[in-house]
N, C-alpha and C. Protein backbone atom coordinates (compact mmCIF):
# COMPACT_ATOMS: atom_id res chain seq x y z
N MET A 1 101.72 133.47 70.59
CA MET A 1 100.54 132.63 70.63
C MET A 1 99.39 133.30 70.29
N ILE A 2 98.48 132.73 69.44
CA ILE A 2 97.17 133.14 69.15
C ILE A 2 96.03 132.63 69.98
N GLY A 3 95.57 133.40 70.85
CA GLY A 3 94.62 133.06 71.66
C GLY A 3 93.01 133.58 71.33
N HIS A 4 92.77 134.20 70.43
CA HIS A 4 91.60 134.86 70.08
C HIS A 4 91.61 135.35 68.59
N LEU A 5 90.45 135.08 67.98
CA LEU A 5 90.22 135.65 66.53
C LEU A 5 89.00 136.21 66.47
N SER A 6 88.86 137.34 65.92
CA SER A 6 87.55 137.81 65.38
C SER A 6 87.48 138.41 64.04
N GLY A 7 86.66 138.11 63.29
CA GLY A 7 86.64 138.34 61.98
C GLY A 7 85.50 138.02 61.09
N ARG A 8 85.73 137.80 59.77
CA ARG A 8 84.46 137.47 58.92
C ARG A 8 84.90 135.82 58.50
N LEU A 9 83.62 135.15 58.60
CA LEU A 9 83.83 133.59 58.15
C LEU A 9 83.78 133.72 56.54
N ILE A 10 84.78 133.15 56.04
CA ILE A 10 84.81 133.24 54.53
C ILE A 10 84.73 131.89 53.84
N ALA A 11 84.79 130.67 54.64
CA ALA A 11 84.67 129.29 54.30
C ALA A 11 84.50 128.28 55.37
N ARG A 12 83.61 127.35 55.06
CA ARG A 12 83.37 126.19 56.02
C ARG A 12 83.68 125.09 55.54
N ALA A 13 84.21 124.02 56.17
CA ALA A 13 84.45 122.60 55.83
C ALA A 13 83.89 121.78 56.75
N SER A 14 84.25 120.52 56.72
CA SER A 14 83.62 119.61 57.67
C SER A 14 84.49 119.63 59.17
N ASP A 15 85.51 119.96 59.11
CA ASP A 15 86.20 119.84 60.30
C ASP A 15 86.91 121.50 60.71
N HIS A 16 86.75 122.35 59.89
CA HIS A 16 87.28 123.62 60.06
C HIS A 16 86.75 124.73 59.40
N VAL A 17 87.02 125.86 59.65
CA VAL A 17 86.74 127.18 59.15
C VAL A 17 87.75 128.01 58.78
N VAL A 18 87.45 129.03 57.76
CA VAL A 18 88.47 130.19 57.42
C VAL A 18 88.04 131.49 58.03
N LEU A 19 88.69 131.98 58.80
CA LEU A 19 88.19 133.45 59.18
C LEU A 19 89.12 134.54 58.58
N ASP A 20 88.48 135.36 58.00
CA ASP A 20 89.34 136.45 57.49
C ASP A 20 89.39 137.49 58.71
N VAL A 21 90.87 137.80 58.78
CA VAL A 21 91.06 138.79 60.04
C VAL A 21 91.92 139.89 59.58
N GLY A 22 91.37 140.97 59.19
CA GLY A 22 92.18 142.00 58.68
C GLY A 22 92.90 141.65 57.25
N GLY A 23 92.38 140.89 56.57
CA GLY A 23 92.80 140.66 55.35
C GLY A 23 93.47 139.26 55.08
N VAL A 24 93.83 138.61 56.27
CA VAL A 24 94.58 137.50 56.42
C VAL A 24 93.44 136.05 56.80
N GLY A 25 93.37 135.41 55.77
CA GLY A 25 92.60 134.04 56.22
C GLY A 25 93.34 133.12 57.04
N TYR A 26 92.52 132.73 58.31
CA TYR A 26 93.06 131.92 59.30
C TYR A 26 92.50 130.58 59.01
N VAL A 27 92.95 129.36 59.03
CA VAL A 27 92.36 128.07 59.04
C VAL A 27 92.23 127.70 60.44
N VAL A 28 91.03 127.50 60.91
CA VAL A 28 90.78 127.08 62.36
C VAL A 28 90.16 125.84 62.39
N HIS A 29 90.55 124.80 62.95
CA HIS A 29 89.88 123.53 63.11
C HIS A 29 88.98 123.67 64.40
N VAL A 30 87.86 123.22 64.22
CA VAL A 30 86.70 123.41 64.93
C VAL A 30 85.96 121.70 65.34
N SER A 31 85.28 121.56 66.40
CA SER A 31 84.57 120.47 66.71
C SER A 31 83.07 120.42 65.82
N ASP A 32 82.39 119.43 65.57
CA ASP A 32 81.20 119.46 65.13
C ASP A 32 80.28 120.43 65.82
N ARG A 33 80.25 120.47 67.13
CA ARG A 33 79.30 121.39 67.97
C ARG A 33 79.77 122.84 67.73
N THR A 34 80.73 123.15 67.64
CA THR A 34 81.24 124.35 67.42
C THR A 34 80.88 124.94 65.71
N LEU A 35 81.20 124.03 64.84
CA LEU A 35 80.89 124.34 63.67
C LEU A 35 79.39 124.58 63.30
N ALA A 36 78.46 123.88 64.17
CA ALA A 36 77.04 123.94 63.96
C ALA A 36 76.57 125.38 64.68
N ALA A 37 77.36 125.87 65.69
CA ALA A 37 76.96 126.92 66.34
C ALA A 37 77.56 128.25 65.63
N LEU A 38 78.35 128.22 64.69
CA LEU A 38 78.74 129.47 64.06
C LEU A 38 77.90 129.73 62.90
N PRO A 39 78.02 131.05 62.61
CA PRO A 39 77.02 131.66 61.64
C PRO A 39 77.58 131.32 60.30
N GLY A 40 76.70 131.75 59.21
CA GLY A 40 76.92 131.31 57.93
C GLY A 40 78.02 132.21 57.29
N VAL A 41 78.63 131.86 56.02
CA VAL A 41 79.68 132.40 55.33
C VAL A 41 79.29 133.74 55.12
N GLY A 42 80.24 134.58 55.23
CA GLY A 42 80.04 136.20 55.17
C GLY A 42 79.70 136.79 56.29
N GLU A 43 79.37 136.14 57.52
CA GLU A 43 79.12 136.83 58.72
C GLU A 43 80.28 137.06 59.58
N ALA A 44 80.09 137.86 60.39
CA ALA A 44 81.12 138.14 61.56
C ALA A 44 81.17 137.07 62.72
N THR A 45 82.29 136.61 63.22
CA THR A 45 82.33 135.69 64.39
C THR A 45 83.55 135.98 64.85
N ALA A 46 83.58 135.13 66.30
CA ALA A 46 84.89 135.33 66.96
C ALA A 46 85.18 133.98 67.56
N LEU A 47 86.39 133.49 67.87
CA LEU A 47 86.60 132.27 68.33
C LEU A 47 87.73 132.32 69.36
N HIS A 48 87.77 131.68 70.62
CA HIS A 48 88.92 131.65 71.48
C HIS A 48 89.71 130.33 70.53
N THR A 49 90.99 130.54 70.56
CA THR A 49 91.76 129.68 69.92
C THR A 49 93.05 129.11 70.65
N ASP A 50 93.51 127.94 70.25
CA ASP A 50 94.65 127.22 70.71
C ASP A 50 95.64 126.92 69.57
N LEU A 51 96.88 127.30 69.88
CA LEU A 51 97.82 126.89 68.65
C LEU A 51 98.52 125.73 68.98
N LEU A 52 98.55 124.70 68.21
CA LEU A 52 99.23 123.45 68.33
C LEU A 52 100.47 123.68 67.49
N VAL A 53 101.93 123.53 68.22
CA VAL A 53 103.00 123.73 67.44
C VAL A 53 103.78 122.44 67.37
N ARG A 54 104.12 122.08 66.26
CA ARG A 54 105.01 120.81 66.15
C ARG A 54 106.24 121.06 65.02
N GLU A 55 107.15 120.51 65.15
CA GLU A 55 108.30 120.69 64.01
C GLU A 55 107.82 120.91 62.69
N ASP A 56 106.83 120.24 62.28
CA ASP A 56 106.44 120.32 60.92
C ASP A 56 104.99 120.78 60.65
N LEU A 57 104.34 121.46 61.75
CA LEU A 57 102.96 121.66 61.63
C LEU A 57 102.56 122.82 62.46
N LEU A 58 101.68 123.77 62.23
CA LEU A 58 101.08 124.59 62.93
C LEU A 58 99.54 124.58 62.85
N GLN A 59 98.90 124.34 63.64
CA GLN A 59 97.48 124.13 63.56
C GLN A 59 96.81 124.95 64.64
N LEU A 60 95.57 125.59 64.20
CA LEU A 60 94.75 126.50 65.04
C LEU A 60 93.55 125.80 65.50
N PHE A 61 93.16 125.62 66.61
CA PHE A 61 91.74 125.07 67.06
C PHE A 61 90.99 126.10 67.67
N GLY A 62 89.52 126.18 67.36
CA GLY A 62 88.77 127.31 67.83
C GLY A 62 87.64 126.60 68.66
N PHE A 63 87.36 127.59 69.48
CA PHE A 63 86.27 127.23 70.55
C PHE A 63 85.42 128.47 70.70
N THR A 64 84.11 128.10 71.23
CA THR A 64 83.19 129.21 71.44
C THR A 64 83.19 129.67 72.83
N THR A 65 83.64 128.91 73.62
CA THR A 65 83.87 129.28 75.02
C THR A 65 85.37 128.81 75.80
N MET A 66 85.76 129.71 76.71
CA MET A 66 86.98 129.42 77.24
C MET A 66 86.93 127.98 77.96
N ALA A 67 85.74 127.64 78.49
CA ALA A 67 85.61 126.37 79.14
C ALA A 67 85.80 125.24 78.10
N GLU A 68 85.50 125.33 76.99
CA GLU A 68 85.64 124.47 75.94
C GLU A 68 87.11 124.29 75.38
N LYS A 69 87.72 125.51 75.54
CA LYS A 69 89.13 125.53 75.13
C LYS A 69 90.06 125.05 76.14
N GLU A 70 89.61 125.15 77.48
CA GLU A 70 90.40 124.52 78.65
C GLU A 70 90.19 123.07 78.72
N TRP A 71 89.10 122.47 78.27
CA TRP A 71 88.92 121.14 78.25
C TRP A 71 89.72 120.60 77.15
N HIS A 72 89.90 121.27 75.97
CA HIS A 72 90.74 120.71 74.89
C HIS A 72 92.23 120.48 75.45
N ARG A 73 92.49 121.66 76.06
CA ARG A 73 94.10 121.63 76.63
C ARG A 73 94.18 120.53 77.68
N LEU A 74 93.25 120.17 78.50
CA LEU A 74 93.43 119.21 79.54
C LEU A 74 93.26 117.79 78.72
N LEU A 75 92.50 117.58 77.92
CA LEU A 75 92.47 116.38 77.06
C LEU A 75 93.52 116.05 76.59
N MET A 76 94.14 117.09 75.88
CA MET A 76 95.42 116.89 75.15
C MET A 76 96.58 116.55 76.13
N SER A 77 96.49 116.69 77.28
CA SER A 77 97.52 116.23 78.47
C SER A 77 97.35 114.86 78.72
N VAL A 78 96.30 114.17 78.21
CA VAL A 78 96.15 112.62 78.63
C VAL A 78 96.93 112.04 77.59
N GLN A 79 97.67 110.94 77.94
CA GLN A 79 98.37 110.21 76.96
C GLN A 79 97.38 109.46 76.17
N GLY A 80 97.67 109.52 74.83
CA GLY A 80 96.71 108.66 73.89
C GLY A 80 95.53 109.56 73.49
N ILE A 81 95.54 110.82 74.08
CA ILE A 81 94.66 111.85 73.34
C ILE A 81 95.32 112.85 72.47
N GLY A 82 95.09 112.62 71.20
CA GLY A 82 95.56 113.79 70.34
C GLY A 82 94.57 115.01 70.06
N ALA A 83 95.04 115.80 69.13
CA ALA A 83 94.07 116.86 68.84
C ALA A 83 92.77 116.49 68.19
N LYS A 84 92.80 115.35 67.36
CA LYS A 84 91.68 114.67 66.63
C LYS A 84 90.66 114.08 67.74
N ALA A 85 91.43 113.41 68.68
CA ALA A 85 90.54 112.56 69.51
C ALA A 85 89.80 113.80 70.61
N SER A 86 90.46 114.76 70.87
CA SER A 86 90.01 115.75 71.72
C SER A 86 88.76 116.54 71.19
N MET A 87 88.87 116.74 69.81
CA MET A 87 87.85 117.49 69.19
C MET A 87 86.77 116.57 68.83
N ALA A 88 87.17 115.29 68.85
CA ALA A 88 85.85 114.26 68.87
C ALA A 88 85.02 114.21 70.02
N ILE A 89 85.65 114.20 71.14
CA ILE A 89 85.11 114.08 72.61
C ILE A 89 84.23 115.58 72.58
N LEU A 90 84.87 116.57 72.55
CA LEU A 90 84.02 117.75 72.57
C LEU A 90 82.98 117.97 71.62
N GLY A 91 83.09 117.37 70.53
CA GLY A 91 82.13 117.40 69.39
C GLY A 91 80.91 116.35 69.81
N THR A 92 81.23 115.35 70.46
CA THR A 92 80.43 114.53 71.01
C THR A 92 79.45 115.05 72.23
N LEU A 93 80.21 115.46 73.32
CA LEU A 93 79.74 115.83 74.55
C LEU A 93 79.55 117.19 74.70
N GLY A 94 80.54 118.08 74.29
CA GLY A 94 80.25 119.58 74.47
C GLY A 94 81.05 119.70 75.84
N ALA A 95 81.52 121.01 76.16
CA ALA A 95 81.99 121.18 77.43
C ALA A 95 81.37 120.83 78.61
N ASP A 96 80.03 121.10 78.68
CA ASP A 96 79.19 120.97 79.95
C ASP A 96 79.21 119.34 79.95
N GLY A 97 79.00 118.52 78.89
CA GLY A 97 79.06 117.18 78.91
C GLY A 97 80.16 116.40 79.37
N ILE A 98 81.28 116.75 78.76
CA ILE A 98 82.49 116.17 79.21
C ILE A 98 82.89 116.60 80.86
N SER A 99 82.45 117.81 81.14
CA SER A 99 82.57 118.18 82.74
C SER A 99 81.55 117.16 83.54
N ARG A 100 80.51 117.06 83.08
CA ARG A 100 79.66 116.03 83.96
C ARG A 100 80.06 114.64 83.75
N ALA A 101 80.55 114.19 82.72
CA ALA A 101 80.86 112.96 82.61
C ALA A 101 82.13 112.64 83.44
N ILE A 102 82.96 113.45 83.42
CA ILE A 102 84.47 113.23 84.31
C ILE A 102 84.03 113.40 85.64
N ALA A 103 83.10 114.19 86.23
CA ALA A 103 82.74 114.57 87.53
C ALA A 103 82.22 113.43 88.04
N ILE A 104 81.34 112.57 87.41
CA ILE A 104 80.69 111.63 87.80
C ILE A 104 81.45 110.32 87.51
N GLY A 105 82.45 110.21 86.73
CA GLY A 105 83.19 108.88 86.61
C GLY A 105 82.46 108.15 85.40
N ASP A 106 81.68 108.72 84.39
CA ASP A 106 80.99 108.15 83.37
C ASP A 106 81.90 108.00 82.15
N TRP A 107 82.82 107.07 82.18
CA TRP A 107 83.92 106.87 81.06
C TRP A 107 83.16 106.19 79.71
N ALA A 108 81.96 105.75 79.93
CA ALA A 108 81.21 105.25 78.91
C ALA A 108 80.74 106.41 77.86
N ALA A 109 80.51 107.55 78.69
CA ALA A 109 79.99 108.73 77.83
C ALA A 109 81.29 109.25 76.90
N VAL A 110 82.41 109.22 77.55
CA VAL A 110 83.73 109.48 76.96
C VAL A 110 83.76 108.66 75.67
N LYS A 111 83.67 107.42 75.95
CA LYS A 111 83.80 106.37 75.04
C LYS A 111 82.93 106.42 73.60
N ALA A 112 81.89 107.20 73.98
CA ALA A 112 80.88 107.38 72.72
C ALA A 112 81.61 108.16 71.61
N ALA A 113 82.60 108.90 71.84
CA ALA A 113 83.36 109.71 70.90
C ALA A 113 83.96 109.01 69.82
N PRO A 114 83.94 109.03 68.66
CA PRO A 114 84.30 108.54 67.50
C PRO A 114 85.93 108.22 67.82
N GLY A 115 86.57 107.10 67.61
CA GLY A 115 88.01 106.80 67.81
C GLY A 115 88.27 106.67 69.14
N VAL A 116 87.64 106.63 70.18
CA VAL A 116 87.95 106.71 71.48
C VAL A 116 87.59 105.35 72.18
N GLY A 117 88.58 104.67 72.62
CA GLY A 117 88.38 103.11 73.24
C GLY A 117 87.94 103.50 74.63
N PRO A 118 87.70 102.08 75.24
CA PRO A 118 87.37 102.10 76.73
C PRO A 118 88.48 102.54 77.52
N LYS A 119 89.56 101.97 77.03
CA LYS A 119 91.01 102.30 78.04
C LYS A 119 91.47 103.61 77.88
N ILE A 120 91.22 104.40 76.82
CA ILE A 120 91.48 105.71 76.85
C ILE A 120 90.44 106.51 77.57
N ALA A 121 89.17 105.92 77.33
CA ALA A 121 87.96 106.92 78.14
C ALA A 121 87.97 106.87 79.60
N GLN A 122 88.56 105.48 79.99
CA GLN A 122 88.82 105.21 81.56
C GLN A 122 90.02 106.15 81.99
N ARG A 123 91.07 106.35 81.25
CA ARG A 123 92.21 107.06 81.54
C ARG A 123 91.95 108.54 81.60
N VAL A 124 91.17 109.06 80.73
CA VAL A 124 90.68 110.45 80.50
C VAL A 124 89.94 110.71 82.04
N VAL A 125 88.85 110.00 82.29
CA VAL A 125 88.30 110.07 83.54
C VAL A 125 89.13 110.22 84.71
N ASN A 126 90.12 109.16 84.89
CA ASN A 126 90.96 109.08 86.07
C ASN A 126 91.84 110.09 86.12
N GLU A 127 92.26 110.62 85.13
CA GLU A 127 93.56 111.65 85.10
C GLU A 127 92.83 113.08 85.24
N LEU A 128 91.75 113.11 85.03
CA LEU A 128 91.03 114.58 84.90
C LEU A 128 89.96 114.80 85.93
N LYS A 129 89.48 113.67 86.79
CA LYS A 129 88.61 113.91 87.55
C LYS A 129 88.89 115.10 88.55
N ASP A 130 89.84 115.34 88.91
CA ASP A 130 90.31 116.34 90.22
C ASP A 130 90.23 117.75 89.45
N LYS A 131 90.21 117.83 88.16
CA LYS A 131 90.49 119.18 87.45
C LYS A 131 88.99 119.47 86.88
N ALA A 132 88.17 118.67 86.99
CA ALA A 132 86.70 119.06 86.30
C ALA A 132 86.08 120.28 87.16
N PRO A 133 86.20 120.40 88.35
CA PRO A 133 85.39 121.38 89.12
C PRO A 133 85.72 122.74 88.72
N ALA A 134 87.18 122.97 88.51
CA ALA A 134 87.83 124.34 88.25
C ALA A 134 87.29 124.62 86.69
N VAL A 135 87.11 123.61 85.96
CA VAL A 135 86.77 124.27 84.57
C VAL A 135 85.19 124.31 84.55
N MET A 136 84.46 123.55 85.32
CA MET A 136 82.95 123.64 85.51
C MET A 136 82.58 124.94 86.11
N ALA A 137 83.53 125.65 87.03
CA ALA A 137 83.11 126.99 87.52
C ALA A 137 83.50 128.04 86.77
N MET A 138 84.02 127.74 85.53
CA MET A 138 84.52 128.81 84.50
C MET A 138 83.18 129.06 83.85
N GLY A 139 82.19 128.47 83.63
CA GLY A 139 81.08 128.76 82.97
C GLY A 139 81.22 129.08 81.37
N SER A 140 80.42 129.94 80.85
CA SER A 140 80.59 130.09 79.49
C SER A 140 81.47 131.47 79.24
N GLY A 141 81.83 132.12 80.15
CA GLY A 141 82.29 133.27 79.91
C GLY A 141 83.80 133.40 80.57
N GLY A 142 84.35 132.29 81.26
CA GLY A 142 85.62 132.34 81.77
C GLY A 142 85.76 132.77 82.90
N ALA A 143 84.58 133.12 83.90
CA ALA A 143 84.85 133.57 85.18
C ALA A 143 83.91 132.81 86.01
N PRO A 144 84.03 132.38 87.34
CA PRO A 144 83.15 131.68 88.04
C PRO A 144 81.65 132.52 88.31
N ILE A 145 80.77 131.85 88.08
CA ILE A 145 79.37 132.51 88.29
C ILE A 145 79.02 132.10 89.83
N GLN A 146 79.02 133.20 90.62
CA GLN A 146 78.76 133.21 91.85
C GLN A 146 77.25 132.79 92.19
N PRO A 147 76.83 132.18 93.22
CA PRO A 147 75.22 132.15 93.66
C PRO A 147 74.61 133.47 93.81
N THR A 148 73.49 133.57 93.28
CA THR A 148 73.04 134.95 93.62
C THR A 148 72.14 135.14 94.95
N ALA A 149 72.05 136.19 95.48
CA ALA A 149 71.50 136.59 96.71
C ALA A 149 70.10 136.28 96.45
N ALA A 150 69.47 136.33 95.21
CA ALA A 150 68.05 136.29 95.05
C ALA A 150 67.51 134.79 95.14
N ALA A 151 68.33 133.81 95.08
CA ALA A 151 68.16 132.46 95.26
C ALA A 151 67.88 132.24 96.72
N PRO A 152 66.97 131.99 97.28
CA PRO A 152 66.81 131.67 98.91
C PRO A 152 67.47 130.36 99.17
N ALA A 153 67.26 129.40 98.10
CA ALA A 153 68.04 128.10 98.40
C ALA A 153 69.45 128.05 98.58
N ALA A 154 70.09 129.05 97.88
CA ALA A 154 71.74 129.17 97.98
C ALA A 154 72.03 129.42 99.77
N SER A 155 71.22 129.98 100.27
CA SER A 155 71.63 130.08 101.67
C SER A 155 71.67 128.69 102.48
N LEU A 156 71.04 127.79 101.86
CA LEU A 156 71.26 126.43 102.49
C LEU A 156 72.71 126.08 102.80
N VAL A 157 73.41 126.43 101.57
CA VAL A 157 74.81 126.00 101.55
C VAL A 157 75.84 126.91 101.54
N GLN A 158 75.55 128.25 101.50
CA GLN A 158 76.48 129.48 101.26
C GLN A 158 77.43 129.54 102.49
N ALA A 159 76.85 129.24 103.74
CA ALA A 159 77.51 129.39 104.99
C ALA A 159 78.23 128.17 105.35
N ALA A 160 78.09 127.18 104.48
CA ALA A 160 78.88 126.15 104.86
C ALA A 160 80.27 125.85 104.47
N GLY A 161 80.83 126.64 103.70
CA GLY A 161 82.01 126.61 103.32
C GLY A 161 82.26 127.01 101.74
N ASP A 162 83.67 127.05 101.52
CA ASP A 162 83.99 127.26 100.00
C ASP A 162 83.56 126.15 99.10
N ALA A 163 83.91 124.81 99.60
CA ALA A 163 83.62 123.68 98.86
C ALA A 163 82.34 123.69 98.18
N GLN A 164 81.27 123.80 99.47
CA GLN A 164 79.72 123.74 98.89
C GLN A 164 79.17 124.98 97.80
N ALA A 165 79.90 126.17 98.22
CA ALA A 165 79.71 127.21 97.31
C ALA A 165 80.20 126.93 95.99
N GLU A 166 81.45 126.43 95.74
CA GLU A 166 81.95 126.11 94.64
C GLU A 166 81.43 124.98 93.78
N ALA A 167 80.82 124.03 94.54
CA ALA A 167 79.92 123.11 93.90
C ALA A 167 78.53 123.65 93.49
N LEU A 168 78.07 124.50 94.34
CA LEU A 168 76.72 124.79 93.78
C LEU A 168 76.87 125.84 92.50
N SER A 169 78.08 126.62 92.55
CA SER A 169 78.33 127.49 91.26
C SER A 169 78.61 126.55 90.26
N ALA A 170 79.24 125.53 90.14
CA ALA A 170 79.55 124.57 89.17
C ALA A 170 78.24 123.96 88.69
N LEU A 171 77.33 123.47 89.50
CA LEU A 171 75.95 122.93 89.16
C LEU A 171 75.14 123.90 88.39
N GLY A 172 75.22 125.13 88.91
CA GLY A 172 74.51 126.32 88.12
C GLY A 172 75.14 126.77 86.63
N ASN A 173 76.46 126.25 86.61
CA ASN A 173 77.10 126.53 85.27
C ASN A 173 76.59 125.43 84.44
N LEU A 174 76.29 124.25 84.88
CA LEU A 174 75.79 123.14 84.01
C LEU A 174 74.20 123.24 83.72
N GLY A 175 73.59 124.10 84.27
CA GLY A 175 72.08 124.29 83.72
C GLY A 175 71.10 124.04 84.76
N TYR A 176 71.60 123.63 86.19
CA TYR A 176 70.55 123.12 87.06
C TYR A 176 70.09 124.42 87.76
N GLY A 177 68.91 124.32 88.26
CA GLY A 177 68.25 125.39 89.06
C GLY A 177 68.73 125.61 90.33
N PRO A 178 68.77 126.77 90.82
CA PRO A 178 69.28 127.18 92.34
C PRO A 178 68.67 126.24 93.31
N SER A 179 67.50 125.95 93.35
CA SER A 179 66.80 125.34 94.30
C SER A 179 67.20 123.94 94.32
N ASP A 180 67.08 123.12 93.09
CA ASP A 180 67.62 121.69 93.08
C ASP A 180 69.09 121.64 93.28
N ALA A 181 69.85 122.41 92.73
CA ALA A 181 71.27 122.26 93.11
C ALA A 181 71.64 122.46 94.44
N ALA A 182 70.99 123.40 95.20
CA ALA A 182 71.40 123.61 96.43
C ALA A 182 70.84 122.46 97.32
N ARG A 183 69.63 121.83 97.05
CA ARG A 183 69.45 120.73 97.75
C ARG A 183 70.34 119.47 97.66
N ALA A 184 70.78 119.28 96.48
CA ALA A 184 71.62 118.19 96.23
C ALA A 184 73.00 118.36 96.86
N VAL A 185 73.53 119.59 96.72
CA VAL A 185 74.69 119.90 97.43
C VAL A 185 74.67 119.81 98.97
N ALA A 186 73.58 120.31 99.68
CA ALA A 186 73.14 120.07 100.93
C ALA A 186 73.19 118.71 101.39
N GLU A 187 72.52 117.91 100.55
CA GLU A 187 72.36 116.66 100.93
C GLU A 187 73.75 115.86 100.92
N ALA A 188 74.52 116.02 99.79
CA ALA A 188 76.00 115.56 99.80
C ALA A 188 76.78 116.02 100.92
N ALA A 189 76.68 117.28 101.22
CA ALA A 189 77.50 117.81 102.45
C ALA A 189 77.15 117.03 103.57
N GLY A 190 75.73 116.82 103.69
CA GLY A 190 75.19 116.23 105.09
C GLY A 190 75.86 114.88 105.24
N ASP A 191 76.09 114.24 104.04
CA ASP A 191 76.58 112.87 104.12
C ASP A 191 78.01 112.89 104.44
N ASP A 192 78.79 113.91 103.96
CA ASP A 192 80.01 113.76 104.00
C ASP A 192 80.54 115.36 104.39
N PRO A 193 80.47 115.96 105.70
CA PRO A 193 80.73 117.26 105.83
C PRO A 193 82.19 117.78 105.56
N ASP A 194 83.05 116.71 105.54
CA ASP A 194 84.53 117.19 105.10
C ASP A 194 84.71 116.83 103.65
N ALA A 195 83.68 116.62 102.70
CA ALA A 195 83.86 116.59 101.21
C ALA A 195 84.65 117.82 100.55
N GLU A 196 85.40 117.40 99.78
CA GLU A 196 85.95 118.62 98.93
C GLU A 196 84.99 118.82 97.71
N THR A 197 85.34 119.84 97.02
CA THR A 197 84.47 120.25 95.95
C THR A 197 84.19 119.28 94.81
N ALA A 198 85.15 118.63 94.40
CA ALA A 198 84.96 117.51 93.43
C ALA A 198 84.16 116.52 93.83
N ASP A 199 84.29 115.83 95.13
CA ASP A 199 83.37 114.85 95.75
C ASP A 199 81.95 115.50 95.93
N LEU A 200 81.64 116.53 96.21
CA LEU A 200 80.64 117.17 96.39
C LEU A 200 79.78 117.20 95.15
N ILE A 201 80.52 117.62 93.96
CA ILE A 201 80.09 117.79 92.66
C ILE A 201 79.44 116.29 92.17
N ARG A 202 80.49 115.38 92.30
CA ARG A 202 79.95 114.02 91.88
C ARG A 202 78.80 113.61 92.66
N ALA A 203 78.65 113.76 93.98
CA ALA A 203 77.57 113.22 94.55
C ALA A 203 76.36 114.09 94.41
N ALA A 204 76.34 115.30 94.15
CA ALA A 204 75.31 116.11 93.75
C ALA A 204 74.87 115.69 92.45
N LEU A 205 75.63 115.53 91.65
CA LEU A 205 75.20 115.07 90.19
C LEU A 205 74.41 113.66 90.35
N LYS A 206 74.90 112.79 90.92
CA LYS A 206 74.20 111.41 91.11
C LYS A 206 72.78 111.74 91.73
N ARG A 207 72.49 112.63 92.72
CA ARG A 207 71.46 112.99 93.17
C ARG A 207 70.27 113.73 92.10
N LEU A 208 70.99 114.35 91.20
CA LEU A 208 70.22 115.14 90.33
C LEU A 208 70.14 114.36 89.02
N ALA A 209 70.66 113.01 89.06
CA ALA A 209 70.36 112.14 87.86
C ALA A 209 69.07 111.66 87.73
N PRO A 210 68.29 111.69 86.49
CA PRO A 210 67.04 111.12 86.43
C PRO A 210 67.07 109.70 87.09
N ALA A 211 65.88 109.45 87.65
CA ALA A 211 65.65 108.07 88.06
C ALA A 211 65.57 106.88 87.04
N GLY A 212 66.29 106.00 87.26
CA GLY A 212 66.18 104.82 86.12
C GLY A 212 67.02 104.93 85.18
């Protein structure tokens, strides 16, 4: 299994790049977002990769973060979602966007991806909603980012239990400030003290969503 490639970008196309790794050129399929984030031809780069193996086909897919790679693998587990649809969803929403959409049940956001119909979008949300918190907690580097002691608002929820701490970490990885995230999680936990991580994240995201 090829899980990571580091080398020189020698070609770019609309849906893939070619990486020269030790004199071997690897064709790596990427989403629109990943393609836009990569450097120019001739420059060094690295990608997390996932190898699709079929009887008559071997394809490498590349991702800038482990969270994006994990979402690709999860999306591919949903009936009706192939590699093309998965890359379209990730290209449209990105790892953070798909995390947020699935956590709050926003299947319309998933449907915005080219080639994804409403039934498939709803299936994606329904089947993956319980797996969203774990991927969100990965952040960009593959390991959960813990609330920092320097953020005073974190103390509002840190003692409340693992679910609140995990929800706070996931919101931080989505870019929300410690104070706003802590307030939203605390309010969600106050409404449902026994809520699990996924439920807390969904409730907190609804509180953090712009009005109107």
